[in-house]
Amino acid sequence: MEHYKALIIGGGISGLAAAQLLAEYDINYVVLEARDRIGGRIQTSREGLTAYDLGASWAHDTLTNPLFDQILDNIESLKEDKYSLYYDDGKPLYFSSNAGPKYFDENKIEQVVKELEKFIELKYFEEIEKKDISLYDIVIQYIEKQGRMLTKEQVLYAPQLIRHLELWHGIGWKEMSSKFGLVDNVGRNCFFRNGYDKVIDEIASHLNPNRILCNSVVKKIDNTRNPIQIELTNGTKMTADWLICTVPQSILQLDSKLGEIGSIEWAPSLPLRIKNSLDNMSWGKLGKIIFEFDDAWWKHHDTDRFVAVANPDPYFINVWESSKSKICAPNNNRDDNNCPTPWDFPVLILNLYKVDNVPALLCFTQGELTEYLEQNPDEAWNYMKPILIRLIEKNLDESSTFDHSELIKPTRILTSQWTVDPFSRGSYAACKPDNDPTDLVIQLSKGLVNVRFAGEHTILDGAGAVHGAWMSGRRESRHILIKEGKMEGDIDDL
């Protein structure tokens, strides 16, 4: 059977980054990718009027993002921005089923959300070991404390506006950790108008294509042998001195569910320290839907992002009224509706006409809604139509008089498939109350002597982001190179 110095499982950006560094030092490596393409959760469709990213779309933390710095160096050397970078950080246009931006401004909804975020931050800063609760529950605590200083309008919509965090983490606010829910970007977010696959192509251009084997699904990793033996589902076996496993966290969590597509059998089984840390982390399900039209009928709105705010939860009014009388209100109506209907969830809508002069809208969805629409893509237009119809109105603070039947249907609809893809099963790591992302990073970055782990779930700086995955792949290659005497450095510094 074929033997390699290093074998990399996964042809996403962490696996490709690892391969690139190994290749620079003439290490005998091979990349095994289960899909028929490279890129992993970076996937760009070029079937429509422009490049549509169904996976990653932005560079985050651009002040401390070494991959972004490398991209800028590449642009400078080529004297051409082949990525077509764009900061889509204009003020979003907030609207709901019966309120518009004027309503949100006049009632200071954004200001209340900022205070709510500070309330959450202080809760855990004052008491590090404070029990973690859901975002939903901590909003209740905020209203109980500050309700006397809030208006009814603020109580109705501030809780719904903070649900924009669902569109960061890909999980609902009733299951999202409030301790790890807030997002603090180090630098502006930069959008790739020409597709994130350009980054993948750039890395792949430095690799021997014969060393990237697509449609190679790993069935078993036998670490009882020396060298390590890997078996594919097609019966092929190969050995390696080093293994870098970059499969998503969701696939590692299938360890006890052998027989499912994508699951990998480990011999011996993964140690308890890793299993326990995996059991103590959760998984987000962020999704995307692209609607392409013949004409941008919403072009009268000169903004790059719309945020469709979910309908208010009447329970918060009960809490608000009780806070003024200091009587605790029981929550008798907190069950979610299993059948999603429009305005149940927040939706972020990227205006690609403003961003890229293309008559298309890119809608982001959170966990429960993502699962439903990815399993039922034919329902995407029916779900989003009542939301998008609001954008026809120039003044979103007035009631719509437009006949829904008159809205021109999209000429093309693209729906992400991350929750139904057996090799991803979702988007990226996410935290529920009492989850511990730090422990998972510690345990996976320790590895198993000659078995190393990389991916967005194995690193703290850039966790959940493309540059985090990229850095983790290079980290593990440096580990191997130092151990093999090919590179100077201290393992403990990695």
Protein backbone atom coordinates (compact mmCIF):
# COMPACT_ATOMS: atom_id res chain seq x y z
CA MET A 1 0.00 0.00 0.00
CA GLU A 2 1.04 3.62 -0.56
CA HIS A 3 3.01 5.22 2.27
CA TYR A 4 3.29 8.95 2.96
CA LYS A 5 5.18 11.02 5.47
CA ALA A 6 1.96 13.00 6.13
CA LEU A 7 -1.63 12.25 5.25
CA ILE A 8 -4.24 15.02 5.45
CA ILE A 9 -7.94 14.18 5.77
CA GLY A 10 -10.04 16.96 4.33
CA GLY A 11 -9.49 19.30 1.39
CA GLY A 12 -10.99 22.38 3.00
CA ILE A 13 -8.90 25.46 3.66
CA SER A 14 -7.26 24.02 6.80
CA GLY A 15 -6.19 20.87 4.95
CA LEU A 16 -4.96 22.80 1.93
CA ALA A 17 -3.07 25.27 4.14
CA ALA A 18 -1.38 22.34 5.88
CA ALA A 19 -0.49 20.79 2.53
CA GLN A 20 0.96 24.04 1.18
CA LEU A 21 3.40 24.41 4.06
CA LEU A 22 4.43 20.74 3.90
CA ALA A 23 4.98 21.07 0.15
CA GLU A 24 7.33 24.02 0.72
CA TYR A 25 9.58 21.66 2.70
CA ASP A 26 9.31 18.78 0.21
CA ILE A 27 7.37 16.56 2.60
CA ASN A 28 5.74 13.53 0.97
CA TYR A 29 2.04 14.20 1.60
CA VAL A 30 -1.42 13.41 0.23
CA VAL A 31 -4.80 15.09 0.78
CA LEU A 32 -7.93 12.91 0.98
CA GLU A 33 -11.17 14.79 0.24
CA ALA A 34 -14.55 13.05 0.55
CA ARG A 35 -16.38 15.36 -1.86
CA ASP A 36 -15.81 15.67 -5.60
CA ARG A 37 -14.35 19.15 -5.09
CA ILE A 38 -11.92 20.93 -2.79
CA GLY A 39 -12.77 23.88 -0.55
CA GLY A 40 -14.86 22.20 2.13
CA ARG A 41 -17.30 24.72 3.58
CA ILE A 42 -16.04 27.28 1.10
CA GLN A 43 -18.23 26.73 -1.95
CA THR A 44 -18.85 29.22 -4.73
CA SER A 45 -21.54 28.87 -7.38
CA ARG A 46 -20.85 30.51 -10.74
CA GLU A 47 -24.05 29.44 -12.45
CA GLY A 48 -25.77 32.84 -12.24
CA LEU A 49 -25.00 36.48 -12.98
CA THR A 50 -22.11 36.60 -10.51
CA ALA A 51 -20.20 34.49 -8.02
CA TYR A 52 -22.45 33.36 -5.16
CA ASP A 53 -20.80 31.98 -2.04
CA LEU A 54 -22.93 29.29 -0.43
CA GLY A 55 -20.41 28.96 2.38
CA ALA A 56 -17.96 31.55 3.69
CA SER A 57 -18.43 35.06 2.27
CA TRP A 58 -16.34 37.40 4.42
CA ALA A 59 -12.90 37.89 5.88
CA HIS A 60 -13.42 38.60 9.59
CA ASP A 61 -11.15 40.25 12.18
CA THR A 62 -9.29 42.04 9.40
CA LEU A 63 -6.98 43.87 11.81
CA THR A 64 -5.54 40.58 13.09
CA ASN A 65 -6.16 38.23 10.17
CA PRO A 66 -2.92 36.87 8.66
CA LEU A 67 -4.74 35.23 5.75
CA PHE A 68 -6.34 38.57 4.88
CA ASP A 69 -2.91 40.21 5.06
CA GLN A 70 -1.61 37.58 2.65
CA ILE A 71 -4.53 38.23 0.31
CA LEU A 72 -3.76 41.96 0.34
CA ASP A 73 -0.09 41.20 -0.42
CA ASN A 74 -1.24 39.04 -3.32
CA ILE A 75 -3.41 41.88 -4.66
CA GLU A 76 -0.50 44.28 -4.36
CA SER A 77 1.93 41.98 -6.17
CA LEU A 78 -0.54 41.27 -9.00
CA LYS A 79 -1.70 44.90 -9.12
CA GLU A 80 -5.20 43.48 -9.50
CA ASP A 81 -7.94 42.79 -6.98
CA LYS A 82 -9.10 39.43 -8.32
CA TYR A 83 -11.16 38.95 -5.15
CA SER A 84 -13.10 42.22 -5.57
CA LEU A 85 -13.04 43.03 -1.85
CA TYR A 86 -15.79 45.21 -0.39
CA TYR A 87 -16.58 46.48 3.12
CA ASP A 88 -20.35 46.04 3.37
CA ASP A 89 -20.58 47.88 6.68
CA GLY A 90 -23.11 50.57 5.91
CA LYS A 91 -25.98 51.08 8.35
CA PRO A 92 -28.44 48.19 7.92
CA LEU A 93 -32.05 48.89 7.13
CA TYR A 94 -34.15 47.31 9.88
CA PHE A 95 -37.76 46.39 9.25
CA SER A 96 -40.42 44.05 10.58
CA SER A 97 -43.82 42.89 9.36
CA ASN A 98 -45.36 46.22 10.43
CA ALA A 99 -42.50 48.57 11.34
CA GLY A 100 -39.66 50.23 9.46
CA PRO A 101 -36.37 52.07 10.03
CA LYS A 102 -38.07 55.25 11.25
CA TYR A 103 -39.84 53.24 13.95
CA PHE A 104 -36.58 51.62 15.07
CA ASP A 105 -34.76 54.98 15.12
CA GLU A 106 -37.46 56.98 16.90
CA ASN A 107 -37.88 54.32 19.59
CA LYS A 108 -34.11 53.95 20.09
CA ILE A 109 -34.25 50.18 19.58
CA GLU A 110 -30.56 49.92 18.62
CA GLN A 111 -29.50 51.88 21.72
CA VAL A 112 -31.43 49.51 23.95
CA VAL A 113 -29.79 46.52 22.24
CA LYS A 114 -26.36 48.02 22.94
CA GLU A 115 -27.29 48.40 26.61
CA LEU A 116 -28.61 44.83 26.62
CA GLU A 117 -25.29 43.60 25.23
CA LYS A 118 -23.42 45.52 27.93
CA PHE A 119 -25.76 43.99 30.54
CA ILE A 120 -24.77 40.51 29.30
CA GLU A 121 -21.09 41.39 29.29
CA LEU A 122 -21.22 42.70 32.87
CA LYS A 123 -23.11 39.65 34.12
CA TYR A 124 -20.22 37.34 33.27
CA PHE A 125 -17.43 39.83 33.93
CA GLU A 126 -18.59 40.37 37.51
CA GLU A 127 -18.83 36.63 38.18
CA ILE A 128 -16.58 34.48 35.98
CA GLU A 129 -18.13 31.23 37.20
CA LYS A 130 -21.69 32.50 36.80
CA LYS A 131 -24.01 29.83 35.42
CA ASP A 132 -24.40 30.18 31.68
CA ILE A 133 -27.98 30.65 30.47
CA SER A 134 -29.54 31.10 27.05
CA LEU A 135 -29.68 34.43 25.25
CA TYR A 136 -33.46 34.31 25.56
CA ASP A 137 -33.33 33.86 29.34
CA ILE A 138 -30.81 36.63 29.89
CA VAL A 139 -33.01 39.01 27.88
CA ILE A 140 -35.76 38.22 30.39
CA GLN A 141 -33.37 39.11 33.23
CA TYR A 142 -32.54 42.41 31.53
CA ILE A 143 -36.19 43.36 31.16
CA GLU A 144 -36.88 42.38 34.77
CA LYS A 145 -34.12 44.74 35.88
CA GLN A 146 -34.54 47.64 33.47
CA GLY A 147 -38.19 47.32 32.56
CA ARG A 148 -39.18 50.47 34.45
CA MET A 149 -36.97 52.48 32.09
CA LEU A 150 -38.13 50.84 28.85
CA THR A 151 -41.03 51.69 26.60
CA LYS A 152 -43.45 49.12 25.27
CA GLU A 153 -41.96 49.58 21.79
CA GLN A 154 -38.48 48.85 23.09
CA VAL A 155 -39.67 45.74 24.92
CA LEU A 156 -41.35 44.52 21.76
CA TYR A 157 -38.43 44.95 19.37
CA ALA A 158 -35.10 45.16 21.24
CA PRO A 159 -35.25 41.44 22.11
CA GLN A 160 -35.99 40.63 18.47
CA LEU A 161 -33.19 42.83 17.20
CA ILE A 162 -30.57 41.15 19.39
CA ARG A 163 -31.57 37.93 17.66
CA HIS A 164 -29.22 39.04 14.87
CA LEU A 165 -26.75 36.89 16.86
CA GLU A 166 -28.63 33.84 15.56
CA LEU A 167 -27.30 34.81 12.13
CA TRP A 168 -23.74 34.72 13.46
CA HIS A 169 -23.89 31.43 15.31
CA GLY A 170 -26.53 29.58 13.32
CA ILE A 171 -28.58 28.52 16.35
CA GLY A 172 -31.73 29.91 17.97
CA TRP A 173 -31.63 32.28 20.92
CA LYS A 174 -33.41 29.80 23.21
CA GLU A 175 -30.50 27.37 22.80
CA MET A 176 -27.64 29.86 22.36
CA SER A 177 -25.14 30.53 25.13
CA SER A 178 -25.37 34.11 26.37
CA LYS A 179 -21.86 33.85 27.83
CA PHE A 180 -20.29 33.15 24.43
CA GLY A 181 -22.99 34.72 22.26
CA LEU A 182 -21.76 38.28 21.83
CA VAL A 183 -19.59 39.00 18.80
CA ASP A 184 -16.60 41.34 19.02
CA ASN A 185 -14.91 41.62 15.64
CA VAL A 186 -11.33 42.87 15.58
CA GLY A 187 -11.62 45.01 12.49
CA ARG A 188 -14.25 45.38 9.80
CA ASN A 189 -15.71 42.46 7.87
CA CYS A 190 -14.67 42.38 4.23
CA PHE A 191 -16.91 40.74 1.62
CA PHE A 192 -15.53 38.75 -1.35
CA ARG A 193 -17.60 39.89 -4.33
CA ASN A 194 -15.77 37.63 -6.76
CA GLY A 195 -16.10 34.47 -4.69
CA TYR A 196 -14.12 32.95 -1.85
CA ASP A 197 -13.09 30.09 -4.12
CA LYS A 198 -10.44 32.47 -5.50
CA VAL A 199 -8.63 32.00 -2.18
CA ILE A 200 -8.90 28.22 -2.50
CA ASP A 201 -7.65 28.38 -6.09
CA GLU A 202 -4.68 30.49 -5.03
CA ILE A 203 -3.61 27.95 -2.39
CA ALA A 204 -4.25 25.00 -4.71
CA SER A 205 -2.08 26.60 -7.41
CA HIS A 206 0.94 25.89 -5.19
CA LEU A 207 0.06 22.21 -4.81
CA ASN A 208 0.55 19.18 -7.03
CA PRO A 209 -3.01 18.26 -8.15
CA ASN A 210 -2.02 14.58 -8.15
CA ARG A 211 -1.58 14.80 -4.40
CA ILE A 212 -5.21 15.83 -3.85
CA LEU A 213 -7.50 12.80 -4.08
CA CYS A 214 -11.18 13.75 -4.27
CA ASN A 215 -14.03 11.25 -3.72
CA SER A 216 -11.85 9.61 -1.07
CA VAL A 217 -14.06 8.88 1.93
CA VAL A 218 -12.12 7.73 4.99
CA LYS A 219 -13.71 4.76 6.74
CA LYS A 220 -11.18 3.87 9.43
CA ILE A 221 -8.08 5.30 11.09
CA ASP A 222 -5.98 2.58 12.72
CA ASN A 223 -3.61 4.23 15.14
CA THR A 224 -2.68 0.91 16.79
CA ARG A 225 -0.27 0.35 13.94
CA ASN A 226 3.04 2.00 13.24
CA PRO A 227 2.85 3.63 10.76
CA ILE A 228 -0.77 4.77 10.99
CA GLN A 229 -3.07 2.93 8.58
CA ILE A 230 -6.03 4.60 6.86
CA GLU A 231 -8.79 2.69 5.08
CA LEU A 232 -11.19 4.27 2.58
CA THR A 233 -14.79 3.17 1.95
CA ASN A 234 -13.70 1.80 -1.45
CA GLY A 235 -11.29 -0.60 0.27
CA THR A 236 -8.09 1.34 -0.49
CA LYS A 237 -5.55 1.34 2.33
CA MET A 238 -2.54 3.59 2.86
CA THR A 239 -0.12 4.35 5.64
CA ALA A 240 1.47 7.50 7.01
CA ASP A 241 3.91 8.58 9.69
CA TRP A 242 1.75 11.62 10.45
CA LEU A 243 -1.98 12.26 10.12
CA ILE A 244 -3.68 15.67 10.11
CA CYS A 245 -7.44 15.28 10.56
CA THR A 246 -9.34 18.38 9.43
CA VAL A 247 -12.88 16.96 9.29
CA PRO A 248 -15.52 19.23 10.88
CA GLN A 249 -16.36 18.95 14.55
CA SER A 250 -19.75 17.48 13.58
CA ILE A 251 -18.02 14.53 11.90
CA LEU A 252 -15.78 13.89 14.90
CA GLN A 253 -18.95 13.80 16.99
CA LEU A 254 -20.18 10.85 14.88
CA ASP A 255 -17.55 8.62 16.51
CA SER A 256 -20.19 6.56 18.27
CA LYS A 257 -22.51 6.41 15.25
CA LEU A 258 -20.57 4.14 12.94
CA GLY A 259 -22.36 3.28 9.73
CA GLU A 260 -23.56 6.82 9.08
CA ILE A 261 -22.17 8.44 5.95
CA GLY A 262 -19.10 10.46 6.82
CA SER A 263 -18.43 8.76 10.14
CA ILE A 264 -14.90 7.53 10.81
CA GLU A 265 -13.98 4.53 12.94
CA TRP A 266 -11.03 5.19 15.23
CA ALA A 267 -8.83 2.37 16.49
CA PRO A 268 -8.32 2.77 19.32
CA SER A 269 -11.37 4.91 20.02
CA LEU A 270 -10.76 8.60 20.62
CA PRO A 271 -9.64 9.14 24.24
CA LEU A 272 -12.20 10.28 26.81
CA ARG A 273 -10.59 13.71 27.12
CA ILE A 274 -11.44 14.38 23.46
CA LYS A 275 -14.82 12.64 23.54
CA ASN A 276 -15.90 14.57 26.61
CA SER A 277 -14.81 17.89 25.10
CA LEU A 278 -16.73 17.06 21.90
CA ASP A 279 -19.82 16.21 23.94
CA ASN A 280 -19.53 19.62 25.56
CA MET A 281 -19.71 21.62 22.32
CA SER A 282 -22.51 22.26 19.86
CA TRP A 283 -22.93 22.88 16.17
CA GLY A 284 -24.46 25.77 14.24
CA LYS A 285 -26.59 25.60 11.11
CA LEU A 286 -26.24 28.84 9.21
CA GLY A 287 -27.81 28.71 5.75
CA LYS A 288 -28.09 30.84 2.62
CA ILE A 289 -30.68 31.37 -0.07
CA ILE A 290 -29.96 33.42 -3.20
CA PHE A 291 -32.80 34.92 -5.23
CA GLU A 292 -31.79 36.24 -8.64
CA PHE A 293 -34.19 38.50 -10.57
CA ASP A 294 -34.37 40.13 -13.99
CA ASP A 295 -34.49 43.53 -12.32
CA ALA A 296 -33.60 44.89 -8.88
CA TRP A 297 -37.10 46.11 -7.96
CA TRP A 298 -35.80 47.11 -4.49
CA LYS A 299 -33.11 49.48 -5.87
CA HIS A 300 -34.78 52.53 -4.29
CA HIS A 301 -33.26 51.37 -0.98
CA ASP A 302 -29.65 52.57 -1.10
CA THR A 303 -28.16 50.25 1.52
CA ASP A 304 -26.10 47.06 1.36
CA ARG A 305 -27.90 45.10 4.09
CA PHE A 306 -31.47 44.60 5.20
CA VAL A 307 -32.41 42.95 8.49
CA ALA A 308 -35.88 41.43 8.67
CA VAL A 309 -36.68 41.45 12.38
CA ALA A 310 -38.85 38.61 13.71
CA ASN A 311 -42.29 39.31 15.12
CA PRO A 312 -42.35 40.27 18.83
CA ASP A 313 -42.74 37.67 21.55
CA PRO A 314 -45.74 38.72 23.71
CA TYR A 315 -44.17 37.06 26.74
CA PHE A 316 -41.72 39.94 27.08
CA ILE A 317 -44.64 42.34 27.56
CA ASN A 318 -45.76 40.19 30.50
CA VAL A 319 -42.24 40.39 31.96
CA TRP A 320 -42.15 44.16 31.37
CA GLU A 321 -45.47 44.77 33.05
CA SER A 322 -44.48 42.54 35.95
CA SER A 323 -41.15 44.35 36.34
CA LYS A 324 -42.99 47.57 37.12
CA SER A 325 -44.97 45.86 39.85
CA LYS A 326 -42.01 43.68 40.86
CA ILE A 327 -44.09 40.52 40.51
CA CYS A 328 -42.43 37.67 38.66
CA ALA A 329 -44.42 36.69 35.58
CA PRO A 330 -44.66 32.96 34.87
CA ASN A 331 -43.69 31.89 31.38
CA ASN A 332 -46.48 29.70 30.12
CA ASN A 333 -45.87 30.12 26.41
CA ARG A 334 -42.28 29.44 25.45
CA ASP A 335 -42.61 26.50 23.09
CA ASP A 336 -41.39 27.06 19.56
CA ASN A 337 -43.63 26.34 16.62
CA ASN A 338 -42.20 23.30 14.84
CA CYS A 339 -43.51 24.50 11.49
CA PRO A 340 -41.70 27.75 10.62
CA THR A 341 -43.77 30.58 9.22
CA PRO A 342 -42.55 33.93 7.84
CA TRP A 343 -41.44 36.40 10.52
CA ASP A 344 -40.78 33.62 13.05
CA PHE A 345 -37.03 34.15 12.71
CA PRO A 346 -34.62 36.99 11.90
CA VAL A 347 -33.29 37.08 8.35
CA LEU A 348 -30.22 38.99 7.15
CA ILE A 349 -30.54 40.05 3.51
CA LEU A 350 -27.48 41.15 1.58
CA ASN A 351 -28.36 43.60 -1.20
CA LEU A 352 -26.18 42.38 -4.04
CA TYR A 353 -27.46 45.17 -6.28
CA LYS A 354 -25.80 47.70 -3.99
CA VAL A 355 -22.78 45.47 -3.33
CA ASP A 356 -22.10 44.22 -6.85
CA ASN A 357 -24.69 45.77 -9.21
CA VAL A 358 -26.39 42.39 -9.57
CA PRO A 359 -30.22 42.03 -9.29
CA ALA A 360 -30.04 39.45 -6.52
CA LEU A 361 -30.73 39.13 -2.78
CA LEU A 362 -28.72 36.85 -0.51
CA CYS A 363 -30.71 35.73 2.54
CA PHE A 364 -29.07 34.26 5.66
CA THR A 365 -31.04 31.89 7.88
CA GLN A 366 -30.46 30.40 11.33
CA GLY A 367 -30.57 26.80 12.60
CA GLU A 368 -34.20 25.67 12.68
CA LEU A 369 -35.14 27.62 9.57
CA THR A 370 -31.98 26.51 7.75
CA GLU A 371 -32.77 22.86 8.38
CA TYR A 372 -36.32 23.27 7.12
CA LEU A 373 -35.45 25.18 3.95
CA GLU A 374 -32.43 23.05 3.06
CA GLN A 375 -34.59 19.95 3.36
CA ASN A 376 -37.42 21.68 1.47
CA PRO A 377 -35.70 24.05 -1.01
CA ASP A 378 -38.90 24.36 -3.05
CA GLU A 379 -40.41 26.20 -0.06
CA ALA A 380 -37.72 28.90 0.02
CA TRP A 381 -39.57 31.40 -2.16
CA ASN A 382 -42.91 30.88 -0.41
CA TYR A 383 -41.27 31.49 2.96
CA MET A 384 -39.29 34.58 1.96
CA LYS A 385 -41.84 36.21 -0.34
CA PRO A 386 -43.90 37.91 2.45
CA ILE A 387 -40.63 39.25 3.91
CA LEU A 388 -39.15 40.49 0.63
CA ILE A 389 -42.45 42.04 -0.44
CA ARG A 390 -41.90 44.69 2.23
CA LEU A 391 -38.86 45.96 0.32
CA ILE A 392 -41.11 47.15 -2.51
CA GLU A 393 -42.34 49.98 -0.28
CA LYS A 394 -40.23 53.14 -0.25
CA ASN A 395 -41.45 53.95 3.24
CA LEU A 396 -41.32 50.76 5.27
CA ASP A 397 -43.02 52.49 8.20
CA GLU A 398 -46.28 52.61 6.27
CA SER A 399 -48.58 49.66 5.72
CA SER A 400 -48.07 47.88 2.42
CA THR A 401 -50.77 48.14 -0.21
CA PHE A 402 -48.95 45.99 -2.73
CA ASP A 403 -50.66 42.88 -4.04
CA HIS A 404 -48.36 39.93 -3.26
CA SER A 405 -49.39 38.18 -6.45
CA GLU A 406 -47.81 40.99 -8.50
CA LEU A 407 -44.28 40.38 -7.22
CA ILE A 408 -42.14 39.04 -10.04
CA LYS A 409 -40.75 35.62 -9.23
CA PRO A 410 -36.98 35.12 -9.19
CA THR A 411 -35.36 33.72 -12.28
CA ARG A 412 -32.98 31.62 -10.21
CA ILE A 413 -32.98 30.28 -6.64
CA LEU A 414 -29.91 28.76 -5.00
CA THR A 415 -30.10 27.14 -1.57
CA SER A 416 -27.20 26.00 0.58
CA GLN A 417 -27.12 22.32 1.56
CA TRP A 418 -24.89 22.25 4.63
CA THR A 419 -27.28 20.47 6.98
CA VAL A 420 -28.02 17.74 4.43
CA ASP A 421 -24.38 17.35 3.36
CA PRO A 422 -23.11 14.23 5.20
CA PHE A 423 -19.59 15.65 5.25
CA SER A 424 -20.53 18.88 7.03
CA ARG A 425 -23.92 18.39 8.76
CA GLY A 426 -24.09 22.12 9.43
CA SER A 427 -21.94 25.22 9.33
CA TYR A 428 -19.45 25.56 12.20
CA ALA A 429 -18.97 25.27 15.95
CA ALA A 430 -21.49 27.04 18.19
CA CYS A 431 -22.08 27.27 21.93
CA LYS A 432 -25.14 26.32 23.93
CA PRO A 433 -25.37 27.16 27.65
CA ASP A 434 -22.56 25.53 29.66
CA ASN A 435 -20.62 24.46 26.55
CA ASP A 436 -16.86 24.91 26.82
CA PRO A 437 -15.17 25.92 23.54
CA THR A 438 -11.82 26.42 25.25
CA ASP A 439 -11.56 22.81 26.44
CA LEU A 440 -12.29 21.47 22.94
CA VAL A 441 -9.53 23.64 21.48
CA ILE A 442 -7.09 22.53 24.18
CA GLN A 443 -7.81 18.84 23.72
CA LEU A 444 -7.74 18.83 19.92
CA SER A 445 -4.64 21.01 19.67
CA LYS A 446 -2.85 18.51 21.94
CA GLY A 447 -3.55 15.84 19.36
CA LEU A 448 -2.61 12.16 19.71
CA VAL A 449 1.17 12.17 19.29
CA ASN A 450 1.33 11.52 15.51
CA VAL A 451 -2.34 12.31 14.91
CA ARG A 452 -3.03 16.04 14.71
CA PHE A 453 -6.31 17.98 14.42
CA ALA A 454 -7.00 21.18 12.47
CA GLY A 455 -10.06 23.21 11.55
CA GLU A 456 -12.04 26.22 12.76
CA HIS A 457 -13.10 24.24 15.88
CA THR A 458 -9.49 23.65 17.00
CA ILE A 459 -8.35 27.24 17.49
CA LEU A 460 -9.38 30.23 19.62
CA ASP A 461 -8.11 33.08 17.43
CA GLY A 462 -10.39 32.98 14.42
CA ALA A 463 -12.69 30.30 15.83
CA GLY A 464 -15.52 29.56 13.41
CA ALA A 465 -13.85 31.63 10.67
CA VAL A 466 -11.90 30.89 7.51
CA HIS A 467 -8.67 32.45 8.75
CA GLY A 468 -8.89 30.40 11.97
CA ALA A 469 -9.14 27.18 9.95
CA TRP A 470 -6.24 28.32 7.73
CA MET A 471 -4.03 29.14 10.73
CA SER A 472 -4.80 25.80 12.39
CA GLY A 473 -3.71 23.89 9.29
CA ARG A 474 -0.41 25.72 9.18
CA ARG A 475 -0.01 25.21 12.94
CA GLU A 476 -0.18 21.44 12.58
CA SER A 477 2.19 21.40 9.61
CA ARG A 478 4.68 23.42 11.64
CA HIS A 479 4.34 20.88 14.43
CA ILE A 480 5.28 18.08 12.03
CA LEU A 481 8.10 20.04 10.45
CA ILE A 482 9.63 20.87 13.83
CA LYS A 483 9.34 17.25 14.98
CA GLU A 484 10.92 16.06 11.73
CA GLY A 485 13.79 18.52 12.11
CA LYS A 486 12.84 20.43 8.98
CA MET A 487 12.01 23.67 10.79
CA GLU A 488 13.36 25.39 13.85
CA GLY A 489 10.95 26.28 16.62
CA ASP A 490 9.39 25.30 19.90
CA ILE A 491 6.41 22.94 19.88
CA ASP A 492 5.07 24.59 23.04
CA ASP A 493 4.77 27.91 21.20
CA LEU A 494 2.37 26.53 18.58
